[in-house]
């Protein structure tokens, strides 16, 4: 059976990548591509809404899909745990499904999971994320998600040590983790999680080199899951068996450097 899809933000960078994946799948059909000039009534008739819009628009898209009883897959950045919590009662009442994916990259998901696994063992943790200068929101949804996972993993040991965070140059705190955002030309997406303890540090780095190659496997996985989802689901790791149980599955210790199509995931210690 073919799933009819309304793609919001389908002419943007992420939207075009998602459109390419949808067009290559026999069991999905794009029946509407919405832009900034579109009316949300164009969602009518869809079995699934895929949102790749902007943080300012996304909330209205999600609410409109829920009101229509349509499942939604959200790839738009800017959805923190607090913002998602406001949507959860609406989704539960409607009996639909809303899947929020901060990052479609499998390597990025593994990097965040590794950071959460290591988090209880280091008193100091900070995140530095970099994206192209056209990205409108900061910190990135991936960095926020990583910080939230780290915070949950440290529930028993408490917040990280982050001195002088009253100074703006120390970054924005999420779950007690300082996040520093760079917006510059010549970069696609990069995240460094720096974990420090007495006499040592561990840096987990993920680079996205080619978004189309890096995101396609995760997009395919998320599309299939979102079609039949019920309730609110957050993170691509929800559909991957990568070994963490608290707060999310955590992988076995990886090799020092792993190359996958379109991205480079590295683990370095100093």
Foldseek 3Di string as FASTA:
>chain_A
DAFEEEEEPLVDPVNVLLVVLQVVDPRYDHPHYHYPPDDLVVRPPGQEYEYQHEPVCVVVNLLSCLVVLHFYEYQYKDCAPVNVVVCQVSQQVSFAEYEYALALFPLLQQLLLVCLVCLLVFQAKAKEKEAAQPRDDPDGRSVLVSLVSNLQSCVPVAAHDQPPVVDVVQADDHSNYHYHYHHHPPAHMKMWMWGDHPPWIKIKIKGFQARSQRRSVSSVQSVVQRSPDGTYHYHSQVRDQQACVPPGGHHDDDDQWDDDPRMTIGIDMD
